[in-house]
């Protein structure tokens, strides 16, 4: 990430300068922007925001969509522009970075908890290698998907795609509840 990383809870953000607010205030504003397909998780928690930079014309926000064809991308961009404008009074230029491709490894632990609490199984880790390293895509899951409701691993995939392209539909054999699984990649 560039310029400034999100300010940790309880940390003191850098002071605003004569030229406007500090990057930390922009990060905080972006942390209030939710993914429209997962409206209880922010785009910062999902790891979509890759950079915040101030320049003489305003702010440049670098975003990496979860999928290059994600239908929520345009909505997210407009919400980012509105959030930056509200906190800084300046326009935001959006840069879409497709490389490295977004990885579920970028999802913050808090977002994984929120997914689970909402009945969506969070993605399994894709490995210990860096998120930008080449990965093998597995079409059959070797690791069982844990039910977010009862915790059982006796689950099975019902459909490759769930409520959105980034999720698959599963069903638990113990509690019999269907649920979405956020696919790792």
C-alpha atoms as a PDB file:
ATOM      1  CA  UNK A   1       0.000   0.000   0.000  1.00  0.00           C
ATOM      2  CA  UNK A   2       1.204   3.467  -0.656  1.00  0.00           C
ATOM      3  CA  UNK A   3       1.466   6.740   1.256  1.00  0.00           C
ATOM      4  CA  UNK A   4      -0.117   5.713   4.529  1.00  0.00           C
ATOM      5  CA  UNK A   5      -1.549   2.482   5.799  1.00  0.00           C
ATOM      6  CA  UNK A   6      -4.826   2.465   7.707  1.00  0.00           C
ATOM      7  CA  UNK A   7      -4.451   3.800  11.221  1.00  0.00           C
ATOM      8  CA  UNK A   8      -4.723   1.054  13.838  1.00  0.00           C
ATOM      9  CA  UNK A   9      -7.420   1.390  16.457  1.00  0.00           C
ATOM     10  CA  UNK A  10      -6.259   3.744  19.189  1.00  0.00           C
ATOM     11  CA  UNK A  11      -3.306   5.068  17.165  1.00  0.00           C
ATOM     12  CA  UNK A  12      -2.857   8.792  16.697  1.00  0.00           C
ATOM     13  CA  UNK A  13      -3.242   9.732  13.029  1.00  0.00           C
ATOM     14  CA  UNK A  14      -0.760  12.128  11.454  1.00  0.00           C
ATOM     15  CA  UNK A  15      -1.900  15.743  11.722  1.00  0.00           C
ATOM     16  CA  UNK A  16      -3.584  17.527   8.833  1.00  0.00           C
ATOM     17  CA  UNK A  17      -1.272  19.776   6.867  1.00  0.00           C
ATOM     18  CA  UNK A  18      -1.787  23.224   5.410  1.00  0.00           C
ATOM     19  CA  UNK A  19      -2.682  21.541   2.123  1.00  0.00           C
ATOM     20  CA  UNK A  20      -5.484  19.446   3.581  1.00  0.00           C
ATOM     21  CA  UNK A  21      -6.272  16.420   5.666  1.00  0.00           C
ATOM     22  CA  UNK A  22      -3.742  13.701   6.377  1.00  0.00           C
ATOM     23  CA  UNK A  23      -3.881  10.418   4.442  1.00  0.00           C
ATOM     24  CA  UNK A  24      -5.038   8.663   7.630  1.00  0.00           C
ATOM     25  CA  UNK A  25      -8.335  10.583   7.504  1.00  0.00           C
ATOM     26  CA  UNK A  26      -8.868   9.388   3.929  1.00  0.00           C
ATOM     27  CA  UNK A  27      -8.164   5.798   5.013  1.00  0.00           C
ATOM     28  CA  UNK A  28     -10.745   6.184   7.799  1.00  0.00           C
ATOM     29  CA  UNK A  29     -13.293   7.528   5.317  1.00  0.00           C
ATOM     30  CA  UNK A  30     -12.607   4.603   2.980  1.00  0.00           C
ATOM     31  CA  UNK A  31     -13.070   2.205   5.891  1.00  0.00           C
ATOM     32  CA  UNK A  32     -16.709   3.362   5.998  1.00  0.00           C
ATOM     33  CA  UNK A  33     -17.308   2.355   2.366  1.00  0.00           C
ATOM     34  CA  UNK A  34     -18.846  -1.113   2.188  1.00  0.00           C
ATOM     35  CA  UNK A  35     -18.823  -3.623  -0.629  1.00  0.00           C
ATOM     36  CA  UNK A  36     -22.375  -3.430  -2.060  1.00  0.00           C
ATOM     37  CA  UNK A  37     -22.470  -7.233  -2.440  1.00  0.00           C
ATOM     38  CA  UNK A  38     -21.290  -7.746   1.168  1.00  0.00           C
ATOM     39  CA  UNK A  39     -22.696  -4.613   2.854  1.00  0.00           C
ATOM     40  CA  UNK A  40     -21.357  -5.403   6.318  1.00  0.00           C
ATOM     41  CA  UNK A  41     -17.668  -5.519   5.277  1.00  0.00           C
ATOM     42  CA  UNK A  42     -15.687  -2.444   4.244  1.00  0.00           C
ATOM     43  CA  UNK A  43     -13.564  -2.269   1.136  1.00  0.00           C
ATOM     44  CA  UNK A  44     -10.524  -1.637   3.357  1.00  0.00           C
ATOM     45  CA  UNK A  45     -11.246  -4.835   5.342  1.00  0.00           C
ATOM     46  CA  UNK A  46     -11.566  -6.761   2.053  1.00  0.00           C
ATOM     47  CA  UNK A  47      -8.165  -5.467   0.918  1.00  0.00           C
ATOM     48  CA  UNK A  48      -9.609  -3.792  -2.182  1.00  0.00           C
ATOM     49  CA  UNK A  49      -7.993  -0.425  -1.337  1.00  0.00           C
ATOM     50  CA  UNK A  50      -4.327  -0.740  -2.279  1.00  0.00           C
ATOM     51  CA  UNK A  51      -3.155   2.834  -2.003  1.00  0.00           C
ATOM     52  CA  UNK A  52      -3.992   6.398  -1.009  1.00  0.00           C
ATOM     53  CA  UNK A  53      -1.863   9.215  -2.384  1.00  0.00           C
ATOM     54  CA  UNK A  54      -2.224  12.957  -2.290  1.00  0.00           C
ATOM     55  CA  UNK A  55      -1.163  15.009  -5.288  1.00  0.00           C
ATOM     56  CA  UNK A  56      -1.633  18.626  -6.288  1.00  0.00           C
ATOM     57  CA  UNK A  57      -4.963  17.886  -8.000  1.00  0.00           C
ATOM     58  CA  UNK A  58      -6.518  15.939  -5.130  1.00  0.00           C
ATOM     59  CA  UNK A  59      -6.267  12.304  -4.153  1.00  0.00           C
ATOM     60  CA  UNK A  60      -5.430   9.150  -6.063  1.00  0.00           C
ATOM     61  CA  UNK A  61      -7.013   5.986  -4.705  1.00  0.00           C
ATOM     62  CA  UNK A  62      -5.757   2.656  -6.038  1.00  0.00           C
ATOM     63  CA  UNK A  63      -8.296  -0.154  -5.998  1.00  0.00           C
ATOM     64  CA  UNK A  64      -7.941  -3.814  -6.905  1.00  0.00           C
ATOM     65  CA  UNK A  65     -11.351  -5.384  -7.547  1.00  0.00           C
ATOM     66  CA  UNK A  66     -12.017  -8.861  -6.217  1.00  0.00           C
ATOM     67  CA  UNK A  67     -12.669  -9.954  -9.817  1.00  0.00           C
ATOM     68  CA  UNK A  68     -11.714  -8.004 -12.938  1.00  0.00           C
ATOM     69  CA  UNK A  69     -15.345  -8.235 -14.097  1.00  0.00           C
ATOM     70  CA  UNK A  70     -16.930  -7.603 -10.695  1.00  0.00           C
ATOM     71  CA  UNK A  71     -20.274  -5.843 -11.270  1.00  0.00           C
ATOM     72  CA  UNK A  72     -19.902  -3.890  -8.010  1.00  0.00           C
ATOM     73  CA  UNK A  73     -16.722  -2.111  -9.165  1.00  0.00           C
ATOM     74  CA  UNK A  74     -18.445   1.010 -10.539  1.00  0.00           C
ATOM     75  CA  UNK A  75     -20.596   1.401  -7.412  1.00  0.00           C
ATOM     76  CA  UNK A  76     -17.504   1.055  -5.216  1.00  0.00           C
ATOM     77  CA  UNK A  77     -15.649   3.680  -7.272  1.00  0.00           C
ATOM     78  CA  UNK A  78     -18.523   6.169  -6.900  1.00  0.00           C
ATOM     79  CA  UNK A  79     -18.764   5.488  -3.155  1.00  0.00           C
ATOM     80  CA  UNK A  80     -14.981   6.031  -2.840  1.00  0.00           C
ATOM     81  CA  UNK A  81     -15.209   9.338  -4.706  1.00  0.00           C
ATOM     82  CA  UNK A  82     -18.048  10.481  -2.425  1.00  0.00           C
ATOM     83  CA  UNK A  83     -16.206   9.429   0.756  1.00  0.00           C
ATOM     84  CA  UNK A  84     -12.987  11.215  -0.272  1.00  0.00           C
ATOM     85  CA  UNK A  85     -14.882  14.340  -1.319  1.00  0.00           C
ATOM     86  CA  UNK A  86     -16.763  14.410   2.004  1.00  0.00           C
ATOM     87  CA  UNK A  87     -13.620  14.231   4.136  1.00  0.00           C
ATOM     88  CA  UNK A  88     -11.226  16.307   2.001  1.00  0.00           C
ATOM     89  CA  UNK A  89     -13.371  18.545  -0.187  1.00  0.00           C
ATOM     90  CA  UNK A  90     -11.254  17.346  -3.120  1.00  0.00           C
ATOM     91  CA  UNK A  91     -11.913  15.057  -6.032  1.00  0.00           C
ATOM     92  CA  UNK A  92     -10.519  11.528  -6.060  1.00  0.00           C
ATOM     93  CA  UNK A  93      -8.982   9.888  -9.085  1.00  0.00           C
ATOM     94  CA  UNK A  94      -9.491   6.116  -9.101  1.00  0.00           C
ATOM     95  CA  UNK A  95      -6.747   3.868 -10.448  1.00  0.00           C
ATOM     96  CA  UNK A  96      -7.653   0.238 -11.002  1.00  0.00           C
ATOM     97  CA  UNK A  97      -4.708  -2.096 -10.412  1.00  0.00           C
ATOM     98  CA  UNK A  98      -5.272  -5.597 -11.780  1.00  0.00           C
ATOM     99  CA  UNK A  99      -1.755  -6.825 -11.013  1.00  0.00           C
ATOM    100  CA  UNK A 100      -1.132  -8.344  -8.677  1.00  0.00           C
ATOM    101  CA  UNK A 101      -4.622  -9.830  -8.787  1.00  0.00           C
ATOM    102  CA  UNK A 102      -6.680  -9.475  -5.629  1.00  0.00           C
ATOM    103  CA  UNK A 103      -6.330 -12.406  -3.258  1.00  0.00           C
ATOM    104  CA  UNK A 104      -8.520 -13.621  -0.435  1.00  0.00           C
ATOM    105  CA  UNK A 105      -5.312 -13.514   1.603  1.00  0.00           C
ATOM    106  CA  UNK A 106      -5.855  -9.725   1.700  1.00  0.00           C
ATOM    107  CA  UNK A 107      -9.088 -10.070   3.697  1.00  0.00           C
ATOM    108  CA  UNK A 108      -8.578  -8.765   7.237  1.00  0.00           C
ATOM    109  CA  UNK A 109      -9.309 -11.079  10.203  1.00  0.00           C
ATOM    110  CA  UNK A 110     -12.160  -8.790  11.297  1.00  0.00           C
ATOM    111  CA  UNK A 111     -13.804  -9.165   7.873  1.00  0.00           C
ATOM    112  CA  UNK A 112     -13.475 -12.961   8.074  1.00  0.00           C
ATOM    113  CA  UNK A 113     -15.264 -12.845  11.424  1.00  0.00           C
ATOM    114  CA  UNK A 114     -18.010 -10.618   9.977  1.00  0.00           C
ATOM    115  CA  UNK A 115     -18.490 -13.023   7.054  1.00  0.00           C
ATOM    116  CA  UNK A 116     -18.806 -15.981   9.429  1.00  0.00           C
ATOM    117  CA  UNK A 117     -21.209 -14.063  11.708  1.00  0.00           C
ATOM    118  CA  UNK A 118     -23.384 -13.276   8.667  1.00  0.00           C
ATOM    119  CA  UNK A 119     -23.562 -16.940   7.682  1.00  0.00           C
ATOM    120  CA  UNK A 120     -20.950 -16.819   4.913  1.00  0.00           C
ATOM    121  CA  UNK A 121     -18.064 -19.234   5.257  1.00  0.00           C
ATOM    122  CA  UNK A 122     -14.842 -17.214   4.940  1.00  0.00           C
ATOM    123  CA  UNK A 123     -12.274 -18.451   2.432  1.00  0.00           C
ATOM    124  CA  UNK A 124      -9.568 -20.896   3.402  1.00  0.00           C
ATOM    125  CA  UNK A 125      -6.005 -19.590   3.198  1.00  0.00           C
ATOM    126  CA  UNK A 126      -4.563 -20.167  -0.266  1.00  0.00           C
ATOM    127  CA  UNK A 127      -1.127 -20.915   1.117  1.00  0.00           C
ATOM    128  CA  UNK A 128       1.831 -19.427   2.863  1.00  0.00           C
ATOM    129  CA  UNK A 129       3.328 -18.003  -0.341  1.00  0.00           C
ATOM    130  CA  UNK A 130       3.021 -14.320  -1.059  1.00  0.00           C
ATOM    131  CA  UNK A 131      -0.379 -13.324  -2.443  1.00  0.00           C
ATOM    132  CA  UNK A 132       1.217 -12.223  -5.714  1.00  0.00           C
ATOM    133  CA  UNK A 133       3.042 -15.529  -6.295  1.00  0.00           C
ATOM    134  CA  UNK A 134       1.666 -17.912  -8.938  1.00  0.00           C
ATOM    135  CA  UNK A 135      -0.880 -20.340  -7.513  1.00  0.00           C
ATOM    136  CA  UNK A 136      -2.442 -23.578  -8.649  1.00  0.00           C
ATOM    137  CA  UNK A 137      -6.203 -23.377  -8.920  1.00  0.00           C
ATOM    138  CA  UNK A 138      -7.957 -26.401  -7.428  1.00  0.00           C
ATOM    139  CA  UNK A 139     -11.355 -27.249  -8.843  1.00  0.00           C
ATOM    140  CA  UNK A 140     -12.131 -29.763  -6.104  1.00  0.00           C
ATOM    141  CA  UNK A 141     -11.629 -28.574  -2.573  1.00  0.00           C
ATOM    142  CA  UNK A 142      -9.235 -30.784  -0.580  1.00  0.00           C
ATOM    143  CA  UNK A 143     -10.041 -28.959   2.670  1.00  0.00           C
ATOM    144  CA  UNK A 144     -13.666 -29.254   3.846  1.00  0.00           C
ATOM    145  CA  UNK A 145     -15.663 -26.055   4.096  1.00  0.00           C
ATOM    146  CA  UNK A 146     -16.812 -25.400   7.670  1.00  0.00           C
ATOM    147  CA  UNK A 147     -20.463 -24.455   8.154  1.00  0.00           C
ATOM    148  CA  UNK A 148     -20.600 -20.879   9.502  1.00  0.00           C
ATOM    149  CA  UNK A 149     -23.743 -21.705  11.508  1.00  0.00           C
ATOM    150  CA  UNK A 150     -22.937 -24.940  13.367  1.00  0.00           C
ATOM    151  CA  UNK A 151     -19.203 -25.426  12.643  1.00  0.00           C
ATOM    152  CA  UNK A 152     -19.612 -28.839  10.996  1.00  0.00           C
ATOM    153  CA  UNK A 153     -17.246 -29.857   8.227  1.00  0.00           C
ATOM    154  CA  UNK A 154     -19.854 -32.228   6.785  1.00  0.00           C
ATOM    155  CA  UNK A 155     -20.747 -29.866   3.964  1.00  0.00           C
ATOM    156  CA  UNK A 156     -21.057 -30.168   0.223  1.00  0.00           C
ATOM    157  CA  UNK A 157     -21.092 -27.798  -2.699  1.00  0.00           C
ATOM    158  CA  UNK A 158     -24.506 -27.328  -4.296  1.00  0.00           C
ATOM    159  CA  UNK A 159     -23.504 -24.814  -6.966  1.00  0.00           C
ATOM    160  CA  UNK A 160     -20.195 -23.377  -8.170  1.00  0.00           C
ATOM    161  CA  UNK A 161     -21.724 -19.892  -7.942  1.00  0.00           C
ATOM    162  CA  UNK A 162     -23.689 -18.545  -4.993  1.00  0.00           C
ATOM    163  CA  UNK A 163     -25.373 -15.181  -4.548  1.00  0.00           C
ATOM    164  CA  UNK A 164     -22.431 -13.564  -6.368  1.00  0.00           C
ATOM    165  CA  UNK A 165     -19.662 -14.839  -8.642  1.00  0.00           C
ATOM    166  CA  UNK A 166     -17.124 -14.718  -5.814  1.00  0.00           C
ATOM    167  CA  UNK A 167     -19.118 -17.180  -3.698  1.00  0.00           C
ATOM    168  CA  UNK A 168     -20.212 -20.807  -4.057  1.00  0.00           C
ATOM    169  CA  UNK A 169     -23.408 -22.287  -2.610  1.00  0.00           C
ATOM    170  CA  UNK A 170     -22.946 -25.021   0.023  1.00  0.00           C
ATOM    171  CA  UNK A 171     -25.190 -27.008   2.351  1.00  0.00           C
ATOM    172  CA  UNK A 172     -24.416 -28.448   5.760  1.00  0.00           C
ATOM    173  CA  UNK A 173     -25.305 -32.136   6.301  1.00  0.00           C
ATOM    174  CA  UNK A 174     -25.703 -31.609  10.073  1.00  0.00           C
ATOM    175  CA  UNK A 175     -27.828 -28.474  10.453  1.00  0.00           C
ATOM    176  CA  UNK A 176     -29.197 -28.771   6.875  1.00  0.00           C
ATOM    177  CA  UNK A 177     -28.764 -25.030   6.288  1.00  0.00           C
ATOM    178  CA  UNK A 178     -27.539 -23.691   2.947  1.00  0.00           C
ATOM    179  CA  UNK A 179     -24.789 -21.067   3.021  1.00  0.00           C
ATOM    180  CA  UNK A 180     -22.442 -19.133   0.790  1.00  0.00           C
ATOM    181  CA  UNK A 181     -18.732 -19.890   0.758  1.00  0.00           C
ATOM    182  CA  UNK A 182     -16.435 -17.033  -0.207  1.00  0.00           C
ATOM    183  CA  UNK A 183     -14.183 -18.766  -2.742  1.00  0.00           C
ATOM    184  CA  UNK A 184     -10.431 -18.464  -2.141  1.00  0.00           C
ATOM    185  CA  UNK A 185      -8.178 -17.241  -4.924  1.00  0.00           C
END
